[in-house]
Amino acid sequence: MIGVDRAVQAVREAPASASEGVPAPPVSRAEQALVPSLAGGIVQPVRAMSEGAENAVALARRAAQGTRAWPGIVTDLEDVLERAYARATEVDRRRADGAGVGPLAGLPVLVKDNVDIAGLVSGQGGMLGRHRARTDSFAWSRLQAEGSILLGHTAMHELAWGLTTPGCPNPWGVGLTPGGSSGGAAASVAAGIVPVAIGTDTGGSIRVPAALCGVAGLRPTHGTAPMDGIAALAPSLDTVGVLARTADDCVFTHELIAGHGAPGPDGLEGLRVGVLGGWQGRVSPGVADAVADSCAVLRASGVQIIDVHLRGARLAPSIAYVLMLIESARRWLAQAERQPGEVGAEVLEQLREGGRIDTGDTYRHALDLARSLRGQLLQTVRHERLAAILSPVTATTGVRVGTDAVTALSRYTGLASVTGLPALSVPAGLESGCPVAVQLIGLPYAERSLALLAGPIEQGPGRIVADQRKLLRPFRPKCLRQRRS
C-alpha cells in the first residue's frame, strides 16, 4: 500500500469535515429509500447452483479431488472430509425421500481461514489468533442451514493483513499471486474446486483476488452480514462476502446469509452508470480496455454512461489504510508483542505502525473523513440519478509473486471500503492471457442492481475469462507462455 507516513499525513492535512468525531453507525435500512425510483421490480433469483448436477456425494468427491490437485488452496481438507461425505449422503437420502432440502443442497463450499467452523481450527493464515472454534460463525451457519457442504478452509494472507496470499497458487499461471487476503477463496473458484466460497473484505480483500483470479467477488453493504465468528481486522471496514463464478451467484449466496436487500430494476434500459474519473493514465492498457469495453456493452444494453468526479476519492486509500493500521493494532498488537514468534515480520511491522500512530485525534479525523466522503458519494449518486459507479478494480494484472504491486492493487478499492457501499468485481477481459476486472459500486443494499449491471459485462468482455477459466489445469503455466509468445 501507500507509505504509512504519506497516508497519515494525507489524513491529518485533509480539511476537517463538519461531522462530529464519533464512529460512523452501520448503514441504515432507511437508506434503501435512496435507490432510484425506476428500481421497481425484483431480479429473478438465480436457480439453485446445484440444480441438475450430480448427486451430493459425487459433487463432494469431485471437489475433494480438485482440492488435492491444487495444493496450497485449501488448508484442512482431510479434517473435514469424513463429515462432508456423511452430510452429502444425508442430503442425497433426503432428496430421494422427497424431503425438503435447501437451495444449496449438496453444494460444496469453502470458507476463508478466519471463518469459524465448530470443531475445526481457524488459522487466521498463520499462528497468531489460531484457535479451535467452539461454535459456527453466523455466515457458515446460514449456508449450512441451506444445505451446503463444507470442504474446508481456504488459504489467506496472515490476519487478513495483505493483498497477496503467500503459498497459494493462482490457477492462471505458475508464479502469479492470487491476490489477497481472500486469495485461496478466489483461487478455489477459479480452479473449479467449488462454485462459491466465502471471504472477507476490509480494504479490497475480496475484490482484488477476484480480479486476479478471474471470478466474481462481492463486498456487500457494510453491516448487512454479521461478522459473528470471524476474526476482526478493522471493524469499521470489515465485511463478509462471496466469491463465485458469476455475479448472480455472489448476490444469491449473500442474500442467503444476510437476507434480501433492495429490489433490483426491472431492466437495464434507462439506467445511468457513472464512470469514476481519475484513473485514466494510471492503469495498464488491458485495464483501460476493460473499462472501455464494459461501458460499450452497457451502452448497447440501454444504459447511459456519464463521467463523474468525486472530490475526495483520491483520499480513500489513505483513509482506509490509516483506519486499518489503527484498528488492527488495537485488536492484535498486544497479543503479537506477547507472542512475537507467532506473527510474521511484515504483519508485525504493520501492527506496530498502527500502534505508533494511534492518537485519538488521528483516528477520529479519519472517521470524519470517511463519513464526509460517504456523504459526497451518495450526494453525487442522487444528483446524477446513478444506479452504480464503475471503476477499475486493480491498476494492473498478472502480478507475479514477490512483485511490489500493492499500491497498484489497492488504489481503487478503498472508496467502497471507507463509504460502506456495496462493490462487485466483475471479469471484463484478458491482458497477456491474464484476467482483468472492473468494479461496480452501488447504493446501500443495492447488490441486486449491481448483479443486473454485471450481466452484460460477463456476457460481453468477460465471456472470454469464463471460457478460459474452464480450461485451466493444475499448475499449467498458460498465462506465462502466452506472455512470452
Protein backbone atom coordinates (compact mmCIF):
# COMPACT_ATOMS: atom_id res chain seq x y z
CA MET A 1 0.00 0.00 0.00
CA ILE A 2 0.97 3.64 0.09
CA GLY A 3 3.58 4.51 2.70
CA VAL A 4 2.45 4.84 6.29
CA ASP A 5 3.84 8.36 6.74
CA ARG A 6 2.31 9.51 3.49
CA ALA A 7 -1.10 8.08 4.37
CA VAL A 8 -1.08 9.58 7.86
CA GLN A 9 -0.01 12.96 6.54
CA ALA A 10 -2.75 12.90 3.90
CA VAL A 11 -5.37 12.18 6.56
CA ARG A 12 -4.08 14.72 9.07
CA GLU A 13 -3.81 17.52 6.49
CA ALA A 14 -7.17 16.92 4.82
CA PRO A 15 -9.79 19.60 5.59
CA ALA A 16 -11.90 18.67 8.61
CA SER A 17 -15.43 17.52 7.93
CA ALA A 18 -18.42 19.17 9.54
CA SER A 19 -19.45 15.98 11.33
CA GLU A 20 -18.61 15.15 14.93
CA GLY A 21 -15.70 12.80 15.59
CA VAL A 22 -17.61 9.67 16.55
CA PRO A 23 -17.58 6.27 14.87
CA ALA A 24 -19.89 6.07 11.89
CA PRO A 25 -23.00 3.94 12.54
CA PRO A 26 -23.81 0.91 10.39
CA VAL A 27 -25.65 1.63 7.16
CA SER A 28 -29.31 2.27 7.94
CA ARG A 29 -32.07 0.29 6.29
CA ALA A 30 -33.77 3.64 5.77
CA GLU A 31 -31.15 4.36 3.14
CA GLN A 32 -32.90 1.91 0.85
CA ALA A 33 -35.05 4.91 0.00
CA LEU A 34 -32.05 6.27 -1.91
CA VAL A 35 -32.47 3.60 -4.56
CA PRO A 36 -33.71 5.33 -7.76
CA SER A 37 -37.46 5.26 -8.27
CA LEU A 38 -37.01 3.31 -11.50
CA ALA A 39 -35.92 0.29 -9.43
CA GLY A 40 -39.38 -1.13 -9.08
CA GLY A 41 -39.11 -4.83 -9.85
CA ILE A 42 -37.17 -7.67 -8.34
CA VAL A 43 -34.49 -9.51 -10.28
CA GLN A 44 -35.40 -13.17 -10.50
CA PRO A 45 -33.07 -15.05 -8.15
CA VAL A 46 -30.64 -17.44 -9.80
CA ARG A 47 -31.60 -21.07 -9.84
CA ALA A 48 -30.03 -23.25 -7.18
CA MET A 49 -26.42 -23.72 -8.16
CA SER A 50 -26.70 -27.45 -7.63
CA GLU A 51 -29.82 -27.85 -9.78
CA GLY A 52 -29.43 -30.63 -12.34
CA ALA A 53 -25.98 -31.53 -11.05
CA GLU A 54 -24.68 -34.90 -9.90
CA ASN A 55 -25.69 -36.23 -6.52
CA ALA A 56 -24.18 -34.65 -3.44
CA VAL A 57 -21.68 -37.43 -2.76
CA ALA A 58 -20.34 -37.21 -6.32
CA LEU A 59 -20.04 -33.43 -6.03
CA ALA A 60 -18.13 -33.74 -2.75
CA ARG A 61 -15.75 -36.34 -4.19
CA ARG A 62 -15.09 -34.23 -7.26
CA ALA A 63 -14.38 -31.17 -5.10
CA ALA A 64 -12.02 -33.21 -2.90
CA GLN A 65 -10.13 -34.40 -5.98
CA GLY A 66 -9.84 -30.81 -7.17
CA THR A 67 -8.50 -29.72 -3.80
CA ARG A 68 -5.77 -32.37 -3.87
CA ALA A 69 -4.86 -31.38 -7.43
CA TRP A 70 -4.25 -27.78 -6.34
CA PRO A 71 -2.03 -27.88 -3.21
CA GLY A 72 -1.95 -24.68 -1.21
CA ILE A 73 -5.53 -23.54 -1.79
CA VAL A 74 -7.32 -25.48 0.99
CA THR A 75 -5.74 -25.85 4.41
CA ASP A 76 -7.68 -28.67 6.11
CA LEU A 77 -9.47 -30.95 3.62
CA GLU A 78 -8.61 -34.16 5.44
CA ASP A 79 -10.04 -32.81 8.69
CA VAL A 80 -13.48 -32.29 7.16
CA LEU A 81 -13.75 -34.99 4.53
CA GLU A 82 -15.49 -37.62 6.65
CA ARG A 83 -18.15 -35.20 7.85
CA ALA A 84 -18.53 -33.83 4.30
CA TYR A 85 -19.26 -37.27 2.87
CA ALA A 86 -21.66 -38.05 5.72
CA ARG A 87 -23.55 -34.82 5.13
CA ALA A 88 -23.62 -35.41 1.37
CA THR A 89 -25.05 -38.88 1.93
CA GLU A 90 -27.75 -37.40 4.16
CA VAL A 91 -28.62 -34.79 1.52
CA ASP A 92 -28.95 -37.49 -1.14
CA ARG A 93 -31.15 -39.58 1.15
CA ARG A 94 -33.44 -36.65 1.94
CA ARG A 95 -33.76 -35.74 -1.71
CA ALA A 96 -34.57 -39.35 -2.65
CA ASP A 97 -37.22 -39.47 0.07
CA GLY A 98 -38.81 -36.27 -1.21
CA ALA A 99 -37.94 -34.39 1.96
CA GLY A 100 -37.30 -30.66 1.84
CA VAL A 101 -33.76 -29.54 1.11
CA GLY A 102 -32.29 -26.06 0.92
CA PRO A 103 -31.40 -24.23 -2.31
CA LEU A 104 -27.72 -25.08 -1.82
CA ALA A 105 -28.40 -28.73 -1.01
CA GLY A 106 -25.30 -30.79 -1.73
CA LEU A 107 -23.27 -27.85 -2.99
CA PRO A 108 -19.61 -27.98 -1.84
CA VAL A 109 -18.48 -24.69 -0.29
CA LEU A 110 -15.16 -23.41 1.05
CA VAL A 111 -14.66 -20.66 3.63
CA LYS A 112 -11.72 -18.41 4.41
CA ASP A 113 -9.37 -19.46 7.21
CA ASN A 114 -10.69 -16.74 9.56
CA VAL A 115 -14.28 -18.07 9.46
CA ASP A 116 -15.16 -20.23 12.47
CA ILE A 117 -16.46 -23.76 11.93
CA ALA A 118 -17.32 -25.66 15.11
CA GLY A 119 -14.65 -28.26 15.88
CA LEU A 120 -12.16 -27.01 13.28
CA VAL A 121 -9.09 -24.82 13.68
CA SER A 122 -9.40 -21.26 12.41
CA GLY A 123 -5.82 -20.49 11.47
CA GLN A 124 -6.05 -16.78 10.51
CA GLY A 125 -3.46 -17.52 7.83
CA GLY A 126 -0.71 -18.08 10.41
CA MET A 127 -0.26 -18.75 14.12
CA LEU A 128 -1.43 -15.60 15.90
CA GLY A 129 -5.07 -15.94 16.86
CA ARG A 130 -5.15 -19.58 15.81
CA HIS A 131 -7.87 -21.45 17.72
CA ARG A 132 -10.24 -24.38 17.57
CA ALA A 133 -13.73 -22.96 17.16
CA ARG A 134 -16.44 -23.98 19.58
CA THR A 135 -19.33 -22.67 17.51
CA ASP A 136 -20.08 -21.92 13.89
CA SER A 137 -19.77 -18.42 12.50
CA PHE A 138 -23.04 -16.75 11.54
CA ALA A 139 -22.15 -16.90 7.83
CA TRP A 140 -21.41 -20.62 7.80
CA SER A 141 -24.42 -21.47 9.98
CA ARG A 142 -26.68 -19.79 7.39
CA LEU A 143 -25.13 -21.63 4.45
CA GLN A 144 -25.19 -24.93 6.31
CA ALA A 145 -28.87 -24.42 7.02
CA GLU A 146 -29.42 -24.05 3.27
CA GLY A 147 -27.86 -27.45 2.59
CA SER A 148 -24.29 -26.64 1.56
CA ILE A 149 -21.43 -28.99 2.38
CA LEU A 150 -18.18 -27.73 3.87
CA LEU A 151 -14.96 -28.76 2.13
CA GLY A 152 -12.64 -26.83 4.45
CA HIS A 153 -10.87 -23.52 4.96
CA THR A 154 -9.03 -21.66 2.22
CA ALA A 155 -5.60 -20.08 2.44
CA MET A 156 -5.42 -16.38 3.31
CA HIS A 157 -2.88 -13.66 3.97
CA GLU A 158 -1.85 -13.67 7.63
CA LEU A 159 -4.50 -11.94 9.82
CA ALA A 160 -6.08 -10.76 6.52
CA TRP A 161 -3.41 -8.02 6.55
CA GLY A 162 -2.29 -8.02 2.93
CA LEU A 163 -3.25 -8.24 -0.73
CA THR A 164 -1.33 -11.41 -1.53
CA THR A 165 -1.69 -14.94 -0.18
CA PRO A 166 1.80 -16.46 0.13
CA GLY A 167 1.98 -20.14 -0.76
CA CYS A 168 -1.36 -20.18 -2.56
CA PRO A 169 -1.32 -20.69 -6.35
CA ASN A 170 -3.18 -18.57 -8.86
CA PRO A 171 -4.70 -21.09 -11.30
CA TRP A 172 -3.96 -18.74 -14.21
CA GLY A 173 -0.24 -19.31 -14.10
CA VAL A 174 2.80 -20.54 -12.19
CA GLY A 175 4.42 -17.71 -10.25
CA LEU A 176 1.35 -15.45 -10.20
CA THR A 177 -0.16 -14.27 -6.94
CA PRO A 178 -3.88 -14.96 -6.47
CA GLY A 179 -4.19 -11.68 -4.56
CA GLY A 180 -5.40 -11.42 -1.01
CA SER A 181 -6.27 -11.62 1.60
CA SER A 182 -9.02 -13.98 0.35
CA GLY A 183 -6.65 -15.49 -2.21
CA GLY A 184 -7.49 -19.10 -1.50
CA ALA A 185 -11.22 -18.46 -1.79
CA ALA A 186 -10.80 -16.82 -5.20
CA ALA A 187 -8.38 -19.50 -6.40
CA SER A 188 -10.74 -22.29 -5.34
CA VAL A 189 -13.49 -20.91 -7.57
CA ALA A 190 -11.13 -20.19 -10.47
CA ALA A 191 -9.76 -23.73 -10.28
CA GLY A 192 -13.27 -25.19 -10.40
CA ILE A 193 -12.97 -26.83 -6.98
CA VAL A 194 -16.18 -25.18 -5.73
CA PRO A 195 -18.71 -22.84 -7.38
CA VAL A 196 -18.82 -20.48 -4.40
CA ALA A 197 -16.55 -19.54 -1.49
CA ILE A 198 -16.82 -17.20 1.48
CA GLY A 199 -14.23 -14.48 2.05
CA THR A 200 -13.83 -11.21 3.89
CA ASP A 201 -13.06 -7.74 2.57
CA THR A 202 -11.54 -4.88 4.55
CA GLY A 203 -9.64 -2.77 2.05
CA GLY A 204 -10.14 -4.92 -1.05
CA SER A 205 -9.54 -8.48 0.13
CA ILE A 206 -12.38 -10.00 -1.90
CA ARG A 207 -12.29 -7.76 -4.95
CA VAL A 208 -8.54 -7.88 -5.61
CA PRO A 209 -8.24 -11.70 -5.64
CA ALA A 210 -11.49 -11.95 -7.60
CA ALA A 211 -9.95 -9.67 -10.24
CA LEU A 212 -6.61 -11.51 -10.38
CA CYS A 213 -8.26 -14.95 -10.47
CA GLY A 214 -10.96 -14.10 -13.00
CA VAL A 215 -14.05 -14.71 -10.84
CA ALA A 216 -16.83 -12.52 -9.47
CA GLY A 217 -16.39 -11.07 -5.99
CA LEU A 218 -18.95 -9.20 -3.88
CA ARG A 219 -18.21 -6.88 -0.98
CA PRO A 220 -21.77 -6.27 0.29
CA THR A 221 -23.08 -3.20 2.07
CA HIS A 222 -21.17 -2.83 5.33
CA GLY A 223 -23.07 -4.30 8.26
CA THR A 224 -25.55 -6.43 6.32
CA ALA A 225 -23.94 -9.78 7.10
CA PRO A 226 -22.96 -10.21 10.77
CA MET A 227 -19.26 -10.83 11.40
CA ASP A 228 -20.00 -13.13 14.35
CA GLY A 229 -17.42 -15.90 14.42
CA ILE A 230 -15.00 -14.13 12.08
CA ALA A 231 -11.80 -12.61 13.44
CA ALA A 232 -11.77 -8.83 13.07
CA LEU A 233 -9.02 -6.82 11.42
CA ALA A 234 -10.59 -3.35 11.20
CA PRO A 235 -14.26 -3.48 12.29
CA SER A 236 -15.24 -0.16 10.72
CA LEU A 237 -14.33 -1.66 7.34
CA ASP A 238 -14.63 -5.46 7.71
CA THR A 239 -17.27 -7.31 5.70
CA VAL A 240 -18.01 -10.93 4.95
CA GLY A 241 -18.72 -11.52 1.28
CA VAL A 242 -18.80 -14.03 -1.55
CA LEU A 243 -16.62 -15.17 -4.44
CA ALA A 244 -18.32 -17.17 -7.17
CA ARG A 245 -18.38 -17.93 -10.87
CA THR A 246 -20.95 -15.23 -11.61
CA ALA A 247 -22.27 -12.02 -10.09
CA ASP A 248 -25.73 -13.57 -9.74
CA ASP A 249 -24.28 -16.43 -7.70
CA CYS A 250 -22.47 -13.94 -5.45
CA VAL A 251 -25.63 -11.97 -4.72
CA PHE A 252 -27.78 -15.09 -4.38
CA THR A 253 -25.39 -16.56 -1.79
CA HIS A 254 -25.02 -13.24 0.03
CA GLU A 255 -28.79 -12.97 0.41
CA LEU A 256 -28.93 -16.48 1.86
CA ILE A 257 -26.54 -15.23 4.54
CA ALA A 258 -27.82 -11.71 5.14
CA GLY A 259 -31.36 -11.56 3.78
CA HIS A 260 -32.76 -9.64 0.84
CA GLY A 261 -31.59 -6.13 0.07
CA ALA A 262 -33.25 -3.50 -2.06
CA PRO A 263 -35.27 -4.70 -5.06
CA GLY A 264 -33.47 -4.51 -8.36
CA PRO A 265 -34.52 -2.68 -11.52
CA ASP A 266 -36.90 -4.34 -13.98
CA GLY A 267 -34.31 -3.96 -16.72
CA LEU A 268 -31.26 -2.09 -17.90
CA GLU A 269 -32.93 0.39 -20.25
CA GLY A 270 -32.61 3.92 -18.89
CA LEU A 271 -30.26 3.10 -16.01
CA ARG A 272 -27.38 5.53 -15.52
CA VAL A 273 -23.84 4.49 -14.59
CA GLY A 274 -21.11 6.96 -13.71
CA VAL A 275 -17.50 6.26 -14.67
CA LEU A 276 -15.30 7.49 -11.87
CA GLY A 277 -12.65 9.92 -13.06
CA GLY A 278 -9.04 10.00 -12.01
CA TRP A 279 -7.87 6.56 -13.15
CA GLN A 280 -7.00 7.46 -16.72
CA GLY A 281 -3.31 7.07 -17.47
CA ARG A 282 -2.68 5.26 -14.19
CA VAL A 283 -3.60 1.72 -15.28
CA SER A 284 -2.24 -0.86 -17.68
CA PRO A 285 -3.61 -0.87 -21.25
CA GLY A 286 -5.63 -4.00 -20.57
CA VAL A 287 -7.39 -2.43 -17.60
CA ALA A 288 -8.17 0.69 -19.64
CA ASP A 289 -9.59 -1.53 -22.40
CA ALA A 290 -11.71 -3.43 -19.87
CA VAL A 291 -13.30 -0.19 -18.63
CA ALA A 292 -13.96 1.00 -22.19
CA ASP A 293 -15.37 -2.37 -23.30
CA SER A 294 -17.61 -2.58 -20.24
CA CYS A 295 -19.00 0.89 -20.95
CA ALA A 296 -19.62 -0.11 -24.57
CA VAL A 297 -21.65 -3.21 -23.73
CA LEU A 298 -23.63 -1.34 -21.09
CA ARG A 299 -24.47 1.39 -23.63
CA ALA A 300 -25.56 -1.30 -26.09
CA SER A 301 -27.89 -2.62 -23.36
CA GLY A 302 -29.58 0.75 -22.94
CA VAL A 303 -27.52 2.08 -20.03
CA GLN A 304 -26.49 5.73 -20.07
CA ILE A 305 -22.79 6.24 -19.25
CA ILE A 306 -21.63 9.55 -17.80
CA ASP A 307 -18.36 10.76 -16.31
CA VAL A 308 -18.34 11.61 -12.61
CA HIS A 309 -15.69 13.23 -10.45
CA LEU A 310 -15.63 12.84 -6.69
CA ARG A 311 -13.57 15.47 -4.94
CA GLY A 312 -12.42 13.31 -2.05
CA ALA A 313 -11.98 9.98 -3.86
CA ARG A 314 -8.19 10.35 -4.01
CA LEU A 315 -8.12 10.30 -0.19
CA ALA A 316 -9.93 6.98 0.10
CA PRO A 317 -6.82 4.73 0.02
CA SER A 318 -5.14 6.81 2.74
CA ILE A 319 -8.26 6.85 4.92
CA ALA A 320 -8.69 3.09 4.57
CA TYR A 321 -5.02 2.43 5.31
CA VAL A 322 -4.97 4.60 8.44
CA LEU A 323 -8.16 3.00 9.79
CA MET A 324 -6.77 -0.47 9.12
CA LEU A 325 -3.48 0.33 10.81
CA ILE A 326 -5.06 1.77 13.95
CA GLU A 327 -7.91 -0.70 14.36
CA SER A 328 -5.78 -3.77 13.65
CA ALA A 329 -3.21 -2.58 16.19
CA ARG A 330 -5.93 -2.21 18.81
CA ARG A 331 -7.09 -5.74 18.09
CA TRP A 332 -3.81 -7.62 17.65
CA LEU A 333 -0.72 -5.64 18.71
CA ALA A 334 -0.63 -6.52 22.42
CA GLN A 335 -1.06 -10.22 21.65
CA ALA A 336 1.58 -10.05 18.92
CA GLU A 337 4.10 -8.44 21.31
CA ARG A 338 3.43 -11.15 23.90
CA GLN A 339 3.88 -13.87 21.25
CA PRO A 340 6.39 -12.38 18.79
CA GLY A 341 7.26 -15.71 17.22
CA GLU A 342 3.69 -16.30 16.11
CA VAL A 343 3.38 -13.44 13.66
CA GLY A 344 5.36 -12.68 10.52
CA ALA A 345 7.71 -9.72 10.35
CA GLU A 346 5.64 -7.89 7.71
CA VAL A 347 2.39 -8.08 9.65
CA LEU A 348 4.11 -7.32 12.97
CA GLU A 349 5.54 -4.14 11.48
CA GLN A 350 2.09 -3.09 10.25
CA LEU A 351 0.66 -3.62 13.73
CA ARG A 352 3.49 -1.63 15.31
CA GLU A 353 2.98 1.20 12.83
CA GLY A 354 -0.67 1.27 13.80
CA GLY A 355 0.27 1.46 17.46
CA ARG A 356 2.61 4.36 16.82
CA ILE A 357 0.02 6.50 15.02
CA ASP A 358 -2.94 5.60 17.23
CA THR A 359 -3.76 9.01 18.57
CA GLY A 360 -7.37 9.76 19.27
CA ASP A 361 -7.27 12.84 17.04
CA THR A 362 -5.92 10.97 14.01
CA TYR A 363 -8.44 8.16 14.39
CA ARG A 364 -11.41 10.49 14.85
CA HIS A 365 -10.32 12.61 11.90
CA ALA A 366 -10.05 9.53 9.68
CA LEU A 367 -13.57 8.50 10.67
CA ASP A 368 -14.80 12.03 9.98
CA LEU A 369 -13.23 11.97 6.55
CA ALA A 370 -14.77 8.58 5.80
CA ARG A 371 -18.19 9.88 6.78
CA SER A 372 -17.72 13.03 4.70
CA LEU A 373 -16.63 11.03 1.67
CA ARG A 374 -19.65 8.78 2.04
CA GLY A 375 -21.89 11.85 2.03
CA GLN A 376 -20.17 13.24 -1.07
CA LEU A 377 -20.55 9.94 -2.90
CA LEU A 378 -24.22 9.49 -2.04
CA GLN A 379 -24.95 13.10 -2.94
CA THR A 380 -23.29 12.60 -6.34
CA VAL A 381 -25.21 9.38 -6.95
CA ARG A 382 -28.52 11.01 -6.03
CA HIS A 383 -27.87 14.17 -8.05
CA GLU A 384 -26.85 12.24 -11.16
CA ARG A 385 -29.54 9.55 -10.62
CA LEU A 386 -26.95 6.79 -10.86
CA ALA A 387 -27.58 3.09 -10.41
CA ALA A 388 -23.84 2.49 -9.92
CA ILE A 389 -20.34 3.88 -10.33
CA LEU A 390 -17.86 1.99 -12.50
CA SER A 391 -14.08 1.97 -12.00
CA PRO A 392 -11.07 -0.34 -12.31
CA VAL A 393 -10.51 -2.88 -9.53
CA THR A 394 -6.75 -3.02 -9.84
CA ALA A 395 -4.35 -0.90 -11.87
CA THR A 396 -2.54 -3.91 -13.29
CA THR A 397 -2.97 -7.63 -13.94
CA GLY A 398 -0.97 -10.85 -13.83
CA VAL A 399 1.06 -9.84 -10.76
CA ARG A 400 3.98 -12.13 -10.05
CA VAL A 401 4.76 -13.40 -6.56
CA GLY A 402 7.26 -11.12 -4.86
CA THR A 403 6.43 -8.10 -7.03
CA ASP A 404 5.84 -4.89 -5.10
CA ALA A 405 2.47 -4.02 -6.66
CA VAL A 406 0.39 -3.43 -3.54
CA THR A 407 -0.35 0.21 -4.39
CA ALA A 408 -1.48 -0.78 -7.87
CA LEU A 409 -3.74 -3.43 -6.36
CA SER A 410 -5.37 -1.21 -3.71
CA ARG A 411 -5.69 2.16 -5.45
CA TYR A 412 -9.35 1.76 -6.44
CA THR A 413 -10.78 -0.49 -3.74
CA GLY A 414 -10.62 1.95 -0.81
CA LEU A 415 -13.59 4.06 -1.91
CA ALA A 416 -16.21 1.35 -1.27
CA SER A 417 -14.42 0.27 1.90
CA VAL A 418 -14.49 3.66 3.63
CA THR A 419 -18.01 4.58 2.45
CA GLY A 420 -19.54 1.21 3.37
CA LEU A 421 -21.21 0.84 -0.04
CA PRO A 422 -21.53 -2.48 -1.89
CA ALA A 423 -18.96 -3.21 -4.58
CA LEU A 424 -18.74 -6.01 -7.12
CA SER A 425 -15.66 -7.14 -9.03
CA VAL A 426 -16.61 -8.45 -12.48
CA PRO A 427 -14.31 -10.19 -15.00
CA ALA A 428 -14.06 -7.98 -18.09
CA GLY A 429 -11.35 -9.33 -20.38
CA LEU A 430 -7.80 -10.61 -20.63
CA GLU A 431 -4.43 -8.87 -20.76
CA SER A 432 -1.49 -11.02 -21.89
CA GLY A 433 -3.60 -14.05 -21.07
CA CYS A 434 -4.42 -12.96 -17.51
CA PRO A 435 -7.85 -11.83 -16.27
CA VAL A 436 -8.87 -8.19 -15.95
CA ALA A 437 -11.86 -6.90 -13.97
CA VAL A 438 -13.95 -3.79 -13.44
CA GLN A 439 -15.69 -2.68 -10.26
CA LEU A 440 -19.31 -1.62 -9.82
CA ILE A 441 -20.07 0.40 -6.66
CA GLY A 442 -23.73 0.77 -5.76
CA LEU A 443 -26.20 2.27 -3.34
CA PRO A 444 -26.75 0.78 0.12
CA TYR A 445 -28.41 -2.64 -0.12
CA ALA A 446 -28.49 -2.47 -3.94
CA GLU A 447 -26.49 -5.66 -4.54
CA ARG A 448 -29.15 -6.92 -6.96
CA SER A 449 -28.77 -3.84 -9.12
CA LEU A 450 -25.02 -4.49 -9.31
CA ALA A 451 -25.62 -8.08 -10.42
CA LEU A 452 -28.02 -6.90 -13.13
CA LEU A 453 -25.47 -4.41 -14.46
CA ALA A 454 -22.76 -7.06 -14.32
CA GLY A 455 -24.70 -9.33 -16.69
CA PRO A 456 -23.78 -7.62 -20.00
CA ILE A 457 -20.16 -7.31 -18.86
CA GLU A 458 -19.94 -11.01 -18.02
CA GLN A 459 -21.55 -11.96 -21.33
CA GLY A 460 -19.50 -9.41 -23.28
CA PRO A 461 -15.83 -8.73 -22.49
CA GLY A 462 -15.94 -11.10 -19.52
CA ARG A 463 -17.05 -14.09 -21.58
CA ILE A 464 -13.50 -14.92 -22.66
CA VAL A 465 -12.45 -15.06 -18.99
CA ALA A 466 -15.17 -17.58 -18.14
CA ASP A 467 -14.34 -19.68 -21.21
CA GLN A 468 -10.60 -19.74 -20.47
CA ARG A 469 -11.22 -20.44 -16.78
CA LYS A 470 -12.91 -23.72 -17.69
CA LEU A 471 -9.72 -24.84 -19.43
CA LEU A 472 -7.35 -24.20 -16.52
CA ARG A 473 -5.41 -27.23 -15.34
CA PRO A 474 -3.30 -27.69 -12.19
CA PHE A 475 -0.06 -25.70 -12.37
CA ARG A 476 -0.36 -25.21 -16.10
CA PRO A 477 1.66 -22.05 -16.91
CA LYS A 478 -0.80 -20.91 -19.59
CA CYS A 479 -0.57 -17.25 -18.68
CA LEU A 480 3.22 -17.11 -18.70
CA ARG A 481 3.50 -18.96 -22.03
CA GLN A 482 1.09 -16.51 -23.62
CA ARG A 483 3.10 -13.60 -22.26
CA ARG A 484 6.30 -14.93 -23.89
CA SER A 485 4.66 -15.59 -27.27
